[in-house]
C-alpha atoms as a PDB file:
ATOM      1  CA  PHE A   1     -17.846  -7.086 -23.690  1.00  0.00           C
ATOM      2  CA  PRO A   2     -14.580  -5.738 -22.769  1.00  0.00           C
ATOM      3  CA  VAL A   3     -13.409  -1.902 -23.431  1.00  0.00           C
ATOM      4  CA  THR A   4      -9.669  -1.410 -23.703  1.00  0.00           C
ATOM      5  CA  ILE A   5      -8.428   2.041 -22.232  1.00  0.00           C
ATOM      6  CA  GLY A   6      -5.060   2.369 -23.173  1.00  0.00           C
ATOM      7  CA  GLU A   7      -3.327  -0.827 -22.069  1.00  0.00           C
ATOM      8  CA  PHE A   8      -6.522  -1.427 -19.522  1.00  0.00           C
ATOM      9  CA  LEU A   9      -9.125  -4.047 -20.407  1.00  0.00           C
ATOM     10  CA  ALA A  10     -12.417  -3.431 -18.627  1.00  0.00           C
ATOM     11  CA  LYS A  11     -15.604  -5.063 -18.617  1.00  0.00           C
ATOM     12  CA  TRP A  12     -18.333  -2.381 -20.572  1.00  0.00           C
ATOM     13  CA  ILE A  13     -20.748  -3.137 -17.830  1.00  0.00           C
ATOM     14  CA  LYS A  14     -18.320  -2.003 -15.014  1.00  0.00           C
ATOM     15  CA  VAL A  15     -17.658   1.630 -16.942  1.00  0.00           C
ATOM     16  CA  ILE A  16     -20.646   2.140 -17.471  1.00  0.00           C
ATOM     17  CA  LYS A  17     -22.301   1.388 -14.355  1.00  0.00           C
ATOM     18  CA  GLU A  18     -19.884   1.780 -11.968  1.00  0.00           C
ATOM     19  CA  GLY A  19     -17.464   4.197 -13.365  1.00  0.00           C
ATOM     20  CA  THR A  20     -14.528   1.999 -13.603  1.00  0.00           C
ATOM     21  CA  ARG A  21     -11.544   3.556 -15.104  1.00  0.00           C
ATOM     22  CA  CYS A  22      -8.080   2.418 -16.160  1.00  0.00           C
ATOM     23  CA  PRO A  23      -5.633   3.130 -13.490  1.00  0.00           C
ATOM     24  CA  SER A  24      -3.891   5.951 -15.706  1.00  0.00           C
ATOM     25  CA  CYS A  25      -6.990   7.727 -16.095  1.00  0.00           C
ATOM     26  CA  VAL A  26      -8.070   7.619 -12.461  1.00  0.00           C
ATOM     27  CA  LYS A  27      -7.922  10.974 -10.311  1.00  0.00           C
ATOM     28  CA  THR A  28      -7.363   8.875  -7.142  1.00  0.00           C
ATOM     29  CA  GLY A  29      -5.710   5.937  -6.051  1.00  0.00           C
ATOM     30  CA  PHE A  30      -2.700   4.161  -7.407  1.00  0.00           C
ATOM     31  CA  ASP A  31      -1.116   4.861 -10.777  1.00  0.00           C
ATOM     32  CA  PRO A  32       1.466   2.422 -11.504  1.00  0.00           C
ATOM     33  CA  ASN A  33       2.806   4.192 -14.419  1.00  0.00           C
ATOM     34  CA  LYS A  34       3.840   7.231 -11.993  1.00  0.00           C
ATOM     35  CA  SER A  35       6.831   6.759  -9.897  1.00  0.00           C
ATOM     36  CA  GLY A  36       5.533   5.187  -6.339  1.00  0.00           C
ATOM     37  CA  ASN A  37       6.851   4.389  -2.802  1.00  0.00           C
ATOM     38  CA  PHE A  38       6.332   1.144  -0.857  1.00  0.00           C
ATOM     39  CA  TYR A  39       6.143   2.019   2.978  1.00  0.00           C
ATOM     40  CA  LEU A  40       5.784  -0.088   6.272  1.00  0.00           C
ATOM     41  CA  ASN A  41       4.081   1.845   8.978  1.00  0.00           C
ATOM     42  CA  GLY A  42       3.659   1.207  12.774  1.00  0.00           C
ATOM     43  CA  VAL A  43      -0.344   1.208  14.011  1.00  0.00           C
ATOM     44  CA  TYR A  44      -0.163   2.647  17.637  1.00  0.00           C
ATOM     45  CA  GLN A  45      -2.910   3.007  20.186  1.00  0.00           C
ATOM     46  CA  GLY A  46      -1.330   5.482  22.481  1.00  0.00           C
ATOM     47  CA  SER A  47       2.306   3.862  22.711  1.00  0.00           C
ATOM     48  CA  GLU A  48       1.164   0.536  22.213  1.00  0.00           C
ATOM     49  CA  LEU A  49       1.678  -1.152  18.997  1.00  0.00           C
ATOM     50  CA  VAL A  50      -1.448  -2.940  17.965  1.00  0.00           C
ATOM     51  CA  ALA A  51      -0.707  -3.510  14.139  1.00  0.00           C
ATOM     52  CA  LEU A  52       1.977  -2.878  10.879  1.00  0.00           C
ATOM     53  CA  LYS A  53       0.473  -1.083   7.664  1.00  0.00           C
ATOM     54  CA  TYR A  54       2.372  -1.625   4.600  1.00  0.00           C
ATOM     55  CA  GLY A  55       1.138  -0.276   1.295  1.00  0.00           C
ATOM     56  CA  ILE A  56       1.971   1.821  -1.998  1.00  0.00           C
ATOM     57  CA  THR A  57       1.634   5.283  -3.070  1.00  0.00           C
ATOM     58  CA  ASN A  58       2.242   7.825  -5.648  1.00  0.00           C
ATOM     59  CA  PHE A  59       2.395  10.294  -2.930  1.00  0.00           C
ATOM     60  CA  SER A  60       4.799  11.148  -0.182  1.00  0.00           C
ATOM     61  CA  VAL A  61       4.840   8.310   2.342  1.00  0.00           C
ATOM     62  CA  ASN A  62       3.608  11.028   5.132  1.00  0.00           C
ATOM     63  CA  LYS A  63       1.169  12.651   3.012  1.00  0.00           C
ATOM     64  CA  ARG A  64      -0.269   8.919   2.729  1.00  0.00           C
ATOM     65  CA  LEU A  65       0.138   8.296   6.612  1.00  0.00           C
ATOM     66  CA  LYS A  66      -1.641  11.535   7.192  1.00  0.00           C
ATOM     67  CA  GLU A  67      -4.616  10.334   4.960  1.00  0.00           C
ATOM     68  CA  ILE A  68      -4.540   7.095   6.719  1.00  0.00           C
ATOM     69  CA  GLU A  69      -4.923   8.766  10.014  1.00  0.00           C
ATOM     70  CA  THR A  70      -7.639  11.056   9.218  1.00  0.00           C
ATOM     71  CA  LYS A  71      -9.864   7.759   8.527  1.00  0.00           C
ATOM     72  CA  SER A  72      -8.439   5.438  11.701  1.00  0.00           C
ATOM     73  CA  ILE A  73      -8.873   5.112  15.295  1.00  0.00           C
ATOM     74  CA  TYR A  74      -5.195   4.640  15.501  1.00  0.00           C
ATOM     75  CA  THR A  75      -2.127   7.150  15.124  1.00  0.00           C
ATOM     76  CA  LEU A  76       0.878   5.613  12.475  1.00  0.00           C
ATOM     77  CA  LYS A  77       4.520   5.970  12.466  1.00  0.00           C
ATOM     78  CA  ASN A  78       6.536   5.159   9.598  1.00  0.00           C
ATOM     79  CA  LEU A  79       9.099   2.493   9.917  1.00  0.00           C
ATOM     80  CA  ASP A  80      10.817   1.994   6.682  1.00  0.00           C
ATOM     81  CA  PHE A  81      10.129   2.852   2.832  1.00  0.00           C
ATOM     82  CA  ILE A  82      11.527   1.918  -0.908  1.00  0.00           C
ATOM     83  CA  SER A  83      10.940   4.661  -3.349  1.00  0.00           C
ATOM     84  CA  PHE A  84      10.511   3.360  -7.077  1.00  0.00           C
ATOM     85  CA  ASP A  85      10.983   5.564 -10.352  1.00  0.00           C
ATOM     86  CA  SER A  86       8.123   3.132 -11.593  1.00  0.00           C
ATOM     87  CA  GLY A  87       4.982   2.726  -9.703  1.00  0.00           C
ATOM     88  CA  ARG A  88       4.608  -1.139 -11.066  1.00  0.00           C
ATOM     89  CA  ASP A  89       7.833  -1.795  -8.894  1.00  0.00           C
ATOM     90  CA  ALA A  90       6.207  -0.812  -5.994  1.00  0.00           C
ATOM     91  CA  ALA A  91       2.885  -2.692  -6.395  1.00  0.00           C
ATOM     92  CA  ASP A  92       5.000  -6.048  -7.256  1.00  0.00           C
ATOM     93  CA  LEU A  93       6.708  -5.647  -4.127  1.00  0.00           C
ATOM     94  CA  GLU A  94       3.554  -4.848  -2.221  1.00  0.00           C
ATOM     95  CA  LYS A  95       2.068  -7.876  -3.732  1.00  0.00           C
ATOM     96  CA  LEU A  96       5.495 -10.180  -2.574  1.00  0.00           C
ATOM     97  CA  PHE A  97       4.931  -8.706   0.848  1.00  0.00           C
ATOM     98  CA  ALA A  98       1.561  -9.647   1.294  1.00  0.00           C
ATOM     99  CA  LYS A  99       2.324 -13.112   0.205  1.00  0.00           C
ATOM    100  CA  THR A 100       5.497 -12.982   2.492  1.00  0.00           C
ATOM    101  CA  PHE A 101       3.191 -11.860   5.630  1.00  0.00           C
ATOM    102  CA  GLY A 102      -0.534 -11.841   4.899  1.00  0.00           C
ATOM    103  CA  LYS A 103      -2.813  -9.254   5.530  1.00  0.00           C
ATOM    104  CA  ARG A 104      -6.468  -7.884   7.034  1.00  0.00           C
ATOM    105  CA  TYR A 105      -5.097  -8.230  10.463  1.00  0.00           C
ATOM    106  CA  LEU A 106      -7.180  -4.866  11.227  1.00  0.00           C
ATOM    107  CA  ASP A 107     -11.096  -4.501  10.660  1.00  0.00           C
ATOM    108  CA  LYS A 108     -12.573  -2.198   8.643  1.00  0.00           C
ATOM    109  CA  SER A 109     -14.038  -0.408  11.679  1.00  0.00           C
ATOM    110  CA  GLU A 110     -10.504   0.163  12.999  1.00  0.00           C
ATOM    111  CA  MET A 111      -8.933   1.492   9.848  1.00  0.00           C
ATOM    112  CA  LEU A 112     -11.555   2.745   7.345  1.00  0.00           C
ATOM    113  CA  THR A 113      -8.462   3.356   4.474  1.00  0.00           C
ATOM    114  CA  GLY A 114      -6.173   0.471   3.949  1.00  0.00           C
ATOM    115  CA  HIS A 115      -7.212  -2.084   6.221  1.00  0.00           C
ATOM    116  CA  THR A 116      -6.896  -4.764   4.105  1.00  0.00           C
ATOM    117  CA  GLU A 117      -2.769  -4.358   4.429  1.00  0.00           C
ATOM    118  CA  THR A 118      -2.464  -4.767   7.798  1.00  0.00           C
ATOM    119  CA  ILE A 119      -0.569  -7.376   9.580  1.00  0.00           C
ATOM    120  CA  SER A 120       0.515  -8.696  13.404  1.00  0.00           C
ATOM    121  CA  PRO A 121       2.714  -6.257  15.162  1.00  0.00           C
ATOM    122  CA  SER A 122       4.698  -9.757  16.437  1.00  0.00           C
ATOM    123  CA  GLN A 123       6.089  -9.534  12.757  1.00  0.00           C
ATOM    124  CA  LYS A 124       7.656  -5.866  12.876  1.00  0.00           C
ATOM    125  CA  GLN A 125      11.188  -7.286  13.186  1.00  0.00           C
ATOM    126  CA  ILE A 126      11.438  -9.781  10.634  1.00  0.00           C
ATOM    127  CA  ALA A 127       9.505  -7.838   8.104  1.00  0.00           C
ATOM    128  CA  LEU A 128      11.577  -4.750   8.536  1.00  0.00           C
ATOM    129  CA  GLU A 129      14.694  -7.162   8.326  1.00  0.00           C
ATOM    130  CA  TRP A 130      12.997  -8.498   5.164  1.00  0.00           C
ATOM    131  CA  LEU A 131      12.706  -4.856   3.901  1.00  0.00           C
ATOM    132  CA  GLN A 132      16.215  -4.450   4.890  1.00  0.00           C
ATOM    133  CA  ASN A 133      17.584  -7.309   2.771  1.00  0.00           C
ATOM    134  CA  PHE A 134      15.230  -6.912   0.026  1.00  0.00           C
ATOM    135  CA  LYS A 135      16.827  -2.726  -0.045  1.00  0.00           C
ATOM    136  CA  LEU A 136      20.537  -4.735   0.242  1.00  0.00           C
ATOM    137  CA  ASN A 137      19.840  -7.020  -3.032  1.00  0.00           C
ATOM    138  CA  LEU A 138      18.081  -3.923  -4.744  1.00  0.00           C
ATOM    139  CA  PHE A 139      20.349  -1.287  -4.037  1.00  0.00           C
ATOM    140  CA  GLY A 140      23.315  -2.994  -2.975  1.00  0.00           C
ATOM    141  CA  LYS A 141      23.360  -0.503   0.182  1.00  0.00           C
END
């Protein structure tokens, strides 16, 4: 039967056997109750853009970028980001971005952490324009 931890509902088997915890209790991962950033990074092999990596983090965008690079065969460069007071807003933007642009362009063997939030490099210009329009509508600048 389900167990309620704060506002999070978990199946007891997941809590007991797999150690699943609510996002607020977990020591790693994204906490939607804290401030958060949505980011868009270029993924490079040398000077060649091979993919775009998007995602969310409660940490600085550069800290997350470095964390991803340690588990990837590529180097990353931040292209744009948006900071939110509420991590839930960053998470909502990530879902909208995924629905708009897709995901899973890279394989786990290429990028161990975050490979699911990757898209084709051919979408770079339209993705950057989409984010700029989003910022304009959100912040008016």
